[in-house]
Amino acid sequence: MTYNTKQKEVILDIIKKYNHEFTVQDIYEQVKDSTGLTTIYRLVDKLVADGLISKTIDEKNKPHYNYLGECEEVNHFYLKCDKCGDYIHTDCDCIS
């Protein structure tokens, strides 16, 4: 069973607005008056497990996340711009 709380809705709305990598701290800075850091970590971990966001670890061993969205395609990729960090969704036909 999945519960939709007001905190979860607010955090998910914030995540959906990012078109580049973000950290849990980035989200926390926007909601720290209403939501605890532990709640954010739990939700982010669940979203990674559900495939809605991806997790990467940088060279300093710090996790970064990217919103992937809800995609109906089976074969698709996300290309990351090395300069700005934005992700571009593309399917297999484009890569072929």
PDB file of N, CA and C in Angstrom:
ATOM      1  N   MET A   1       0.838  -1.177   0.000  1.00  0.00           N
ATOM      2  CA  MET A   1       0.000   0.000   0.000  1.00  0.00           C
ATOM      3  C   MET A   1       0.884   1.242   0.000  1.00  0.00           C
ATOM      4  N   THR A   2       0.533   2.215  -0.814  1.00  0.00           N
ATOM      5  CA  THR A   2       1.294   3.456  -0.910  1.00  0.00           C
ATOM      6  C   THR A   2       0.486   4.589  -0.313  1.00  0.00           C
ATOM      7  N   TYR A   3       1.121   5.352   0.542  1.00  0.00           N
ATOM      8  CA  TYR A   3       0.449   6.496   1.148  1.00  0.00           C
ATOM      9  C   TYR A   3       0.945   7.771   0.492  1.00  0.00           C
ATOM     10  N   ASN A   4       0.037   8.652   0.149  1.00  0.00           N
ATOM     11  CA  ASN A   4       0.400   9.954  -0.397  1.00  0.00           C
ATOM     12  C   ASN A   4       0.186  11.003   0.673  1.00  0.00           C
ATOM     13  N   THR A   5       1.270  11.475   1.225  1.00  0.00           N
ATOM     14  CA  THR A   5       1.183  12.511   2.236  1.00  0.00           C
ATOM     15  C   THR A   5       1.451  13.859   1.593  1.00  0.00           C
ATOM     16  N   LYS A   6       1.095  14.907   2.312  1.00  0.00           N
ATOM     17  CA  LYS A   6       1.349  16.260   1.820  1.00  0.00           C
ATOM     18  C   LYS A   6       2.859  16.463   1.630  1.00  0.00           C
ATOM     19  N   GLN A   7       3.663  15.970   2.547  1.00  0.00           N
ATOM     20  CA  GLN A   7       5.116  16.099   2.432  1.00  0.00           C
ATOM     21  C   GLN A   7       5.620  15.412   1.173  1.00  0.00           C
ATOM     22  N   LYS A   8       5.122  14.207   0.906  1.00  0.00           N
ATOM     23  CA  LYS A   8       5.544  13.461  -0.274  1.00  0.00           C
ATOM     24  C   LYS A   8       5.178  14.223  -1.539  1.00  0.00           C
ATOM     25  N   GLU A   9       3.984  14.774  -1.588  1.00  0.00           N
ATOM     26  CA  GLU A   9       3.546  15.540  -2.754  1.00  0.00           C
ATOM     27  C   GLU A   9       4.428  16.762  -2.988  1.00  0.00           C
ATOM     28  N   VAL A  10       4.748  17.469  -1.923  1.00  0.00           N
ATOM     29  CA  VAL A  10       5.586  18.666  -2.034  1.00  0.00           C
ATOM     30  C   VAL A  10       6.976  18.299  -2.530  1.00  0.00           C
ATOM     31  N   ILE A  11       7.569  17.266  -1.957  1.00  0.00           N
ATOM     32  CA  ILE A  11       8.918  16.842  -2.350  1.00  0.00           C
ATOM     33  C   ILE A  11       8.928  16.363  -3.798  1.00  0.00           C
ATOM     34  N   LEU A  12       7.932  15.586  -4.181  1.00  0.00           N
ATOM     35  CA  LEU A  12       7.868  15.089  -5.555  1.00  0.00           C
ATOM     36  C   LEU A  12       7.694  16.237  -6.546  1.00  0.00           C
ATOM     37  N   ASP A  13       6.899  17.230  -6.189  1.00  0.00           N
ATOM     38  CA  ASP A  13       6.747  18.409  -7.058  1.00  0.00           C
ATOM     39  C   ASP A  13       8.075  19.139  -7.235  1.00  0.00           C
ATOM     40  N   ILE A  14       8.847  19.245  -6.176  1.00  0.00           N
ATOM     41  CA  ILE A  14      10.158  19.893  -6.247  1.00  0.00           C
ATOM     42  C   ILE A  14      11.088  19.088  -7.153  1.00  0.00           C
ATOM     43  N   ILE A  15      11.107  17.768  -6.961  1.00  0.00           N
ATOM     44  CA  ILE A  15      11.972  16.905  -7.762  1.00  0.00           C
ATOM     45  C   ILE A  15      11.630  17.006  -9.239  1.00  0.00           C
ATOM     46  N   LYS A  16      10.344  17.036  -9.562  1.00  0.00           N
ATOM     47  CA  LYS A  16       9.909  17.083 -10.963  1.00  0.00           C
ATOM     48  C   LYS A  16      10.347  18.361 -11.669  1.00  0.00           C
ATOM     49  N   LYS A  17      10.620  19.413 -10.915  1.00  0.00           N
ATOM     50  CA  LYS A  17      11.029  20.691 -11.511  1.00  0.00           C
ATOM     51  C   LYS A  17      12.505  20.719 -11.888  1.00  0.00           C
ATOM     52  N   TYR A  18      13.277  19.786 -11.335  1.00  0.00           N
ATOM     53  CA  TYR A  18      14.707  19.748 -11.662  1.00  0.00           C
ATOM     54  C   TYR A  18      14.899  19.152 -13.050  1.00  0.00           C
ATOM     55  N   ASN A  19      15.644  19.838 -13.905  1.00  0.00           N
ATOM     56  CA  ASN A  19      16.009  19.266 -15.206  1.00  0.00           C
ATOM     57  C   ASN A  19      17.510  18.996 -15.231  1.00  0.00           C
ATOM     58  N   HIS A  20      18.102  18.935 -14.056  1.00  0.00           N
ATOM     59  CA  HIS A  20      19.516  18.617 -13.905  1.00  0.00           C
ATOM     60  C   HIS A  20      19.675  17.865 -12.583  1.00  0.00           C
ATOM     61  N   GLU A  21      20.873  17.455 -12.277  1.00  0.00           N
ATOM     62  CA  GLU A  21      21.116  16.709 -11.050  1.00  0.00           C
ATOM     63  C   GLU A  21      20.800  17.540  -9.812  1.00  0.00           C
ATOM     64  N   PHE A  22      20.399  16.844  -8.764  1.00  0.00           N
ATOM     65  CA  PHE A  22      20.142  17.489  -7.484  1.00  0.00           C
ATOM     66  C   PHE A  22      20.600  16.559  -6.374  1.00  0.00           C
ATOM     67  N   THR A  23      20.713  17.113  -5.180  1.00  0.00           N
ATOM     68  CA  THR A  23      21.068  16.324  -4.003  1.00  0.00           C
ATOM     69  C   THR A  23      19.912  16.380  -3.013  1.00  0.00           C
ATOM     70  N   VAL A  24      19.961  15.531  -2.032  1.00  0.00           N
ATOM     71  CA  VAL A  24      18.948  15.570  -0.976  1.00  0.00           C
ATOM     72  C   VAL A  24      19.018  16.918  -0.262  1.00  0.00           C
ATOM     73  N   GLN A  25      20.209  17.452  -0.105  1.00  0.00           N
ATOM     74  CA  GLN A  25      20.376  18.751   0.546  1.00  0.00           C
ATOM     75  C   GLN A  25      19.676  19.861  -0.249  1.00  0.00           C
ATOM     76  N   ASP A  26      19.700  19.779  -1.581  1.00  0.00           N
ATOM     77  CA  ASP A  26      19.005  20.763  -2.415  1.00  0.00           C
ATOM     78  C   ASP A  26      17.511  20.779  -2.098  1.00  0.00           C
ATOM     79  N   ILE A  27      16.937  19.591  -1.955  1.00  0.00           N
ATOM     80  CA  ILE A  27      15.515  19.499  -1.626  1.00  0.00           C
ATOM     81  C   ILE A  27      15.274  19.999  -0.213  1.00  0.00           C
ATOM     82  N   TYR A  28      16.117  19.568   0.709  1.00  0.00           N
ATOM     83  CA  TYR A  28      15.963  19.949   2.112  1.00  0.00           C
ATOM     84  C   TYR A  28      15.969  21.466   2.291  1.00  0.00           C
ATOM     85  N   GLU A  29      16.809  22.158   1.559  1.00  0.00           N
ATOM     86  CA  GLU A  29      16.868  23.617   1.665  1.00  0.00           C
ATOM     87  C   GLU A  29      15.528  24.274   1.326  1.00  0.00           C
ATOM     88  N   GLN A  30      14.729  23.613   0.508  1.00  0.00           N
ATOM     89  CA  GLN A  30      13.440  24.175   0.100  1.00  0.00           C
ATOM     90  C   GLN A  30      12.295  23.805   1.047  1.00  0.00           C
ATOM     91  N   VAL A  31      12.468  22.752   1.838  1.00  0.00           N
ATOM     92  CA  VAL A  31      11.361  22.281   2.686  1.00  0.00           C
ATOM     93  C   VAL A  31      11.750  22.126   4.155  1.00  0.00           C
ATOM     94  N   LYS A  32      12.883  22.632   4.557  1.00  0.00           N
ATOM     95  CA  LYS A  32      13.393  22.356   5.900  1.00  0.00           C
ATOM     96  C   LYS A  32      12.487  22.825   7.031  1.00  0.00           C
ATOM     97  N   ASP A  33      11.606  23.763   6.762  1.00  0.00           N
ATOM     98  CA  ASP A  33      10.698  24.224   7.805  1.00  0.00           C
ATOM     99  C   ASP A  33       9.517  23.283   8.010  1.00  0.00           C
ATOM    100  N   SER A  34       9.298  22.365   7.046  1.00  0.00           N
ATOM    101  CA  SER A  34       8.124  21.492   7.145  1.00  0.00           C
ATOM    102  C   SER A  34       8.430  19.996   7.066  1.00  0.00           C
ATOM    103  N   THR A  35       9.645  19.642   6.649  1.00  0.00           N
ATOM    104  CA  THR A  35       9.964  18.235   6.428  1.00  0.00           C
ATOM    105  C   THR A  35      11.386  17.933   6.896  1.00  0.00           C
ATOM    106  N   GLY A  36      11.529  16.820   7.566  1.00  0.00           N
ATOM    107  CA  GLY A  36      12.837  16.417   8.061  1.00  0.00           C
ATOM    108  C   GLY A  36      13.694  15.763   6.998  1.00  0.00           C
ATOM    109  N   LEU A  37      14.987  15.793   7.221  1.00  0.00           N
ATOM    110  CA  LEU A  37      15.953  15.214   6.299  1.00  0.00           C
ATOM    111  C   LEU A  37      15.746  13.702   6.133  1.00  0.00           C
ATOM    112  N   THR A  38      15.403  13.015   7.209  1.00  0.00           N
ATOM    113  CA  THR A  38      15.177  11.573   7.149  1.00  0.00           C
ATOM    114  C   THR A  38      14.013  11.235   6.226  1.00  0.00           C
ATOM    115  N   THR A  39      12.950  12.021   6.296  1.00  0.00           N
ATOM    116  CA  THR A  39      11.789  11.814   5.430  1.00  0.00           C
ATOM    117  C   THR A  39      12.186  11.961   3.966  1.00  0.00           C
ATOM    118  N   ILE A  40      13.003  12.943   3.672  1.00  0.00           N
ATOM    119  CA  ILE A  40      13.446  13.174   2.291  1.00  0.00           C
ATOM    120  C   ILE A  40      14.295  11.996   1.812  1.00  0.00           C
ATOM    121  N   TYR A  41      15.232  11.543   2.629  1.00  0.00           N
ATOM    122  CA  TYR A  41      16.065  10.398   2.250  1.00  0.00           C
ATOM    123  C   TYR A  41      15.214   9.159   1.985  1.00  0.00           C
ATOM    124  N   ARG A  42      14.225   8.904   2.847  1.00  0.00           N
ATOM    125  CA  ARG A  42      13.351   7.738   2.653  1.00  0.00           C
ATOM    126  C   ARG A  42      12.608   7.825   1.329  1.00  0.00           C
ATOM    127  N   LEU A  43      12.039   8.989   1.040  1.00  0.00           N
ATOM    128  CA  LEU A  43      11.280   9.154  -0.194  1.00  0.00           C
ATOM    129  C   LEU A  43      12.182   9.032  -1.428  1.00  0.00           C
ATOM    130  N   VAL A  44      13.351   9.653  -1.370  1.00  0.00           N
ATOM    131  CA  VAL A  44      14.289   9.584  -2.497  1.00  0.00           C
ATOM    132  C   VAL A  44      14.720   8.137  -2.736  1.00  0.00           C
ATOM    133  N   ASP A  45      15.010   7.392  -1.678  1.00  0.00           N
ATOM    134  CA  ASP A  45      15.383   5.983  -1.827  1.00  0.00           C
ATOM    135  C   ASP A  45      14.252   5.176  -2.466  1.00  0.00           C
ATOM    136  N   LYS A  46      13.016   5.457  -2.080  1.00  0.00           N
ATOM    137  CA  LYS A  46      11.872   4.766  -2.667  1.00  0.00           C
ATOM    138  C   LYS A  46      11.713   5.120  -4.139  1.00  0.00           C
ATOM    139  N   LEU A  47      11.907   6.383  -4.490  1.00  0.00           N
ATOM    140  CA  LEU A  47      11.789   6.809  -5.877  1.00  0.00           C
ATOM    141  C   LEU A  47      12.876   6.197  -6.751  1.00  0.00           C
ATOM    142  N   VAL A  48      14.061   6.005  -6.191  1.00  0.00           N
ATOM    143  CA  VAL A  48      15.133   5.310  -6.914  1.00  0.00           C
ATOM    144  C   VAL A  48      14.713   3.858  -7.143  1.00  0.00           C
ATOM    145  N   ALA A  49      14.212   3.203  -6.106  1.00  0.00           N
ATOM    146  CA  ALA A  49      13.777   1.809  -6.221  1.00  0.00           C
ATOM    147  C   ALA A  49      12.632   1.660  -7.228  1.00  0.00           C
ATOM    148  N   ASP A  50      11.756   2.662  -7.294  1.00  0.00           N
ATOM    149  CA  ASP A  50      10.619   2.635  -8.223  1.00  0.00           C
ATOM    150  C   ASP A  50      11.009   3.030  -9.647  1.00  0.00           C
ATOM    151  N   GLY A  51      12.255   3.508  -9.836  1.00  0.00           N
ATOM    152  CA  GLY A  51      12.734   3.873 -11.161  1.00  0.00           C
ATOM    153  C   GLY A  51      12.321   5.257 -11.637  1.00  0.00           C
ATOM    154  N   LEU A  52      11.832   6.097 -10.727  1.00  0.00           N
ATOM    155  CA  LEU A  52      11.443   7.458 -11.115  1.00  0.00           C
ATOM    156  C   LEU A  52      12.603   8.433 -11.086  1.00  0.00           C
ATOM    157  N   ILE A  53      13.625   8.119 -10.292  1.00  0.00           N
ATOM    158  CA  ILE A  53      14.831   8.944 -10.282  1.00  0.00           C
ATOM    159  C   ILE A  53      16.043   8.014 -10.325  1.00  0.00           C
ATOM    160  N   SER A  54      17.131   8.539 -10.854  1.00  0.00           N
ATOM    161  CA  SER A  54      18.372   7.767 -10.886  1.00  0.00           C
ATOM    162  C   SER A  54      19.331   8.329  -9.848  1.00  0.00           C
ATOM    163  N   LYS A  55      20.244   7.493  -9.422  1.00  0.00           N
ATOM    164  CA  LYS A  55      21.240   7.880  -8.429  1.00  0.00           C
ATOM    165  C   LYS A  55      22.618   7.654  -9.009  1.00  0.00           C
ATOM    166  N   THR A  56      23.466   8.671  -8.909  1.00  0.00           N
ATOM    167  CA  THR A  56      24.865   8.534  -9.300  1.00  0.00           C
ATOM    168  C   THR A  56      25.728   9.010  -8.134  1.00  0.00           C
ATOM    169  N   ILE A  57      26.929   8.506  -8.079  1.00  0.00           N
ATOM    170  CA  ILE A  57      27.874   8.894  -7.030  1.00  0.00           C
ATOM    171  C   ILE A  57      29.020   9.642  -7.683  1.00  0.00           C
ATOM    172  N   ASP A  58      29.335  10.828  -7.181  1.00  0.00           N
ATOM    173  CA  ASP A  58      30.416  11.598  -7.783  1.00  0.00           C
ATOM    174  C   ASP A  58      31.770  11.157  -7.241  1.00  0.00           C
ATOM    175  N   GLU A  59      32.810  11.822  -7.715  1.00  0.00           N
ATOM    176  CA  GLU A  59      34.175  11.442  -7.336  1.00  0.00           C
ATOM    177  C   GLU A  59      34.476  11.656  -5.856  1.00  0.00           C
ATOM    178  N   LYS A  60      33.640  12.441  -5.170  1.00  0.00           N
ATOM    179  CA  LYS A  60      33.809  12.671  -3.732  1.00  0.00           C
ATOM    180  C   LYS A  60      32.892  11.762  -2.914  1.00  0.00           C
ATOM    181  N   ASN A  61      32.315  10.746  -3.573  1.00  0.00           N
ATOM    182  CA  ASN A  61      31.424   9.775  -2.955  1.00  0.00           C
ATOM    183  C   ASN A  61      30.122  10.410  -2.457  1.00  0.00           C
ATOM    184  N   LYS A  62      29.680  11.461  -3.139  1.00  0.00           N
ATOM    185  CA  LYS A  62      28.445  12.151  -2.778  1.00  0.00           C
ATOM    186  C   LYS A  62      27.354  11.758  -3.773  1.00  0.00           C
ATOM    187  N   PRO A  63      26.186  11.316  -3.271  1.00  0.00           N
ATOM    188  CA  PRO A  63      25.119  10.916  -4.195  1.00  0.00           C
ATOM    189  C   PRO A  63      24.419  12.120  -4.839  1.00  0.00           C
ATOM    190  N   HIS A  64      24.112  11.971  -6.109  1.00  0.00           N
ATOM    191  CA  HIS A  64      23.345  12.945  -6.874  1.00  0.00           C
ATOM    192  C   HIS A  64      22.194  12.200  -7.530  1.00  0.00           C
ATOM    193  N   TYR A  65      21.105  12.909  -7.749  1.00  0.00           N
ATOM    194  CA  TYR A  65      19.910  12.285  -8.288  1.00  0.00           C
ATOM    195  C   TYR A  65      19.418  13.057  -9.501  1.00  0.00           C
ATOM    196  N   ASN A  66      18.628  12.364 -10.318  1.00  0.00           N
ATOM    197  CA  ASN A  66      18.038  12.989 -11.489  1.00  0.00           C
ATOM    198  C   ASN A  66      16.637  12.425 -11.675  1.00  0.00           C
ATOM    199  N   TYR A  67      15.673  13.295 -11.894  1.00  0.00           N
ATOM    200  CA  TYR A  67      14.302  12.861 -12.129  1.00  0.00           C
ATOM    201  C   TYR A  67      14.190  12.308 -13.541  1.00  0.00           C
ATOM    202  N   LEU A  68      13.730  11.075 -13.651  1.00  0.00           N
ATOM    203  CA  LEU A  68      13.604  10.424 -14.945  1.00  0.00           C
ATOM    204  C   LEU A  68      12.181  10.489 -15.484  1.00  0.00           C
ATOM    205  N   GLY A  69      11.260  10.733 -14.629  1.00  0.00           N
ATOM    206  CA  GLY A  69       9.876  10.809 -15.069  1.00  0.00           C
ATOM    207  C   GLY A  69       9.248   9.440 -15.187  1.00  0.00           C
ATOM    208  N   GLU A  70       8.014   9.459 -15.558  1.00  0.00           N
ATOM    209  CA  GLU A  70       7.253   8.228 -15.707  1.00  0.00           C
ATOM    210  C   GLU A  70       7.184   7.912 -17.194  1.00  0.00           C
ATOM    211  N   CYS A  71       8.017   6.998 -17.622  1.00  0.00           N
ATOM    212  CA  CYS A  71       8.156   6.688 -19.039  1.00  0.00           C
ATOM    213  C   CYS A  71       7.468   5.371 -19.354  1.00  0.00           C
ATOM    214  N   GLU A  72       6.724   5.357 -20.437  1.00  0.00           N
ATOM    215  CA  GLU A  72       6.026   4.155 -20.875  1.00  0.00           C
ATOM    216  C   GLU A  72       6.891   3.303 -21.798  1.00  0.00           C
ATOM    217  N   GLU A  73       7.984   3.855 -22.303  1.00  0.00           N
ATOM    218  CA  GLU A  73       8.845   3.138 -23.244  1.00  0.00           C
ATOM    219  C   GLU A  73       9.643   2.055 -22.538  1.00  0.00           C
ATOM    220  N   VAL A  74       9.833   0.934 -23.214  1.00  0.00           N
ATOM    221  CA  VAL A  74      10.622  -0.159 -22.656  1.00  0.00           C
ATOM    222  C   VAL A  74      12.109   0.085 -22.896  1.00  0.00           C
ATOM    223  N   ASN A  75      12.480   0.439 -24.118  1.00  0.00           N
ATOM    224  CA  ASN A  75      13.876   0.670 -24.481  1.00  0.00           C
ATOM    225  C   ASN A  75      14.123   2.157 -24.633  1.00  0.00           C
ATOM    226  N   HIS A  76      14.717   2.742 -23.630  1.00  0.00           N
ATOM    227  CA  HIS A  76      15.010   4.163 -23.701  1.00  0.00           C
ATOM    228  C   HIS A  76      16.270   4.460 -22.901  1.00  0.00           C
ATOM    229  N   PHE A  77      16.833   5.607 -23.193  1.00  0.00           N
ATOM    230  CA  PHE A  77      18.075   6.024 -22.556  1.00  0.00           C
ATOM    231  C   PHE A  77      17.963   7.473 -22.127  1.00  0.00           C
ATOM    232  N   TYR A  78      18.829   7.856 -21.200  1.00  0.00           N
ATOM    233  CA  TYR A  78      18.948   9.248 -20.796  1.00  0.00           C
ATOM    234  C   TYR A  78      20.373   9.686 -21.087  1.00  0.00           C
ATOM    235  N   LEU A  79      20.504  10.724 -21.863  1.00  0.00           N
ATOM    236  CA  LEU A  79      21.811  11.268 -22.185  1.00  0.00           C
ATOM    237  C   LEU A  79      22.051  12.468 -21.287  1.00  0.00           C
ATOM    238  N   LYS A  80      23.235  12.561 -20.739  1.00  0.00           N
ATOM    239  CA  LYS A  80      23.564  13.653 -19.829  1.00  0.00           C
ATOM    240  C   LYS A  80      24.543  14.600 -20.493  1.00  0.00           C
ATOM    241  N   CYS A  81      24.224  15.892 -20.458  1.00  0.00           N
ATOM    242  CA  CYS A  81      25.122  16.910 -20.976  1.00  0.00           C
ATOM    243  C   CYS A  81      26.272  17.096 -19.988  1.00  0.00           C
ATOM    244  N   ASP A  82      27.505  16.982 -20.473  1.00  0.00           N
ATOM    245  CA  ASP A  82      28.671  17.141 -19.607  1.00  0.00           C
ATOM    246  C   ASP A  82      28.855  18.570 -19.116  1.00  0.00           C
ATOM    247  N   LYS A  83      28.334  19.542 -19.844  1.00  0.00           N
ATOM    248  CA  LYS A  83      28.519  20.944 -19.464  1.00  0.00           C
ATOM    249  C   LYS A  83      27.506  21.407 -18.424  1.00  0.00           C
ATOM    250  N   CYS A  84      26.201  21.174 -18.683  1.00  0.00           N
ATOM    251  CA  CYS A  84      25.172  21.722 -17.786  1.00  0.00           C
ATOM    252  C   CYS A  84      24.551  20.685 -16.864  1.00  0.00           C
ATOM    253  N   GLY A  85      24.738  19.402 -17.154  1.00  0.00           N
ATOM    254  CA  GLY A  85      24.192  18.357 -16.307  1.00  0.00           C
ATOM    255  C   GLY A  85      22.755  17.968 -16.622  1.00  0.00           C
ATOM    256  N   ASP A  86      22.131  18.612 -17.606  1.00  0.00           N
ATOM    257  CA  ASP A  86      20.768  18.273 -17.987  1.00  0.00           C
ATOM    258  C   ASP A  86      20.710  16.880 -18.598  1.00  0.00           C
ATOM    259  N   TYR A  87      19.572  16.225 -18.441  1.00  0.00           N
ATOM    260  CA  TYR A  87      19.340  14.923 -19.032  1.00  0.00           C
ATOM    261  C   TYR A  87      18.355  15.054 -20.174  1.00  0.00           C
ATOM    262  N   ILE A  88      18.580  14.271 -21.235  1.00  0.00           N
ATOM    263  CA  ILE A  88      17.701  14.258 -22.389  1.00  0.00           C
ATOM    264  C   ILE A  88      17.218  12.827 -22.571  1.00  0.00           C
ATOM    265  N   HIS A  89      15.921  12.640 -22.626  1.00  0.00           N
ATOM    266  CA  HIS A  89      15.350  11.316 -22.826  1.00  0.00           C
ATOM    267  C   HIS A  89      15.345  11.000 -24.314  1.00  0.00           C
ATOM    268  N   THR A  90      15.777   9.799 -24.661  1.00  0.00           N
ATOM    269  CA  THR A  90      15.749   9.364 -26.054  1.00  0.00           C
ATOM    270  C   THR A  90      15.430   7.882 -26.100  1.00  0.00           C
ATOM    271  N   ASP A  91      14.903   7.424 -27.209  1.00  0.00           N
ATOM    272  CA  ASP A  91      14.580   6.000 -27.318  1.00  0.00           C
ATOM    273  C   ASP A  91      15.621   5.275 -28.181  1.00  0.00           C
ATOM    274  N   CYS A  92      15.504   3.984 -28.296  1.00  0.00           N
ATOM    275  CA  CYS A  92      16.484   3.177 -29.032  1.00  0.00           C
ATOM    276  C   CYS A  92      16.570   3.547 -30.504  1.00  0.00           C
ATOM    277  N   ASP A  93      15.429   3.878 -31.136  1.00  0.00           N
ATOM    278  CA  ASP A  93      15.445   4.234 -32.540  1.00  0.00           C
ATOM    279  C   ASP A  93      16.365   5.414 -32.809  1.00  0.00           C
ATOM    280  N   CYS A  94      16.367   6.371 -31.913  1.00  0.00           N
ATOM    281  CA  CYS A  94      17.214   7.559 -32.078  1.00  0.00           C
ATOM    282  C   CYS A  94      18.695   7.185 -32.007  1.00  0.00           C
ATOM    283  N   ILE A  95      19.031   6.310 -31.098  1.00  0.00           N
ATOM    284  CA  ILE A  95      20.427   5.906 -30.910  1.00  0.00           C
ATOM    285  C   ILE A  95      20.887   5.027 -32.067  1.00  0.00           C
ATOM    286  N   SER A  96      19.987   4.185 -32.581  1.00  0.00           N
ATOM    287  CA  SER A  96      20.347   3.307 -33.688  1.00  0.00           C
ATOM    288  C   SER A  96      20.763   4.137 -34.879  1.00  0.00           C
TER     289      SER A  96
END
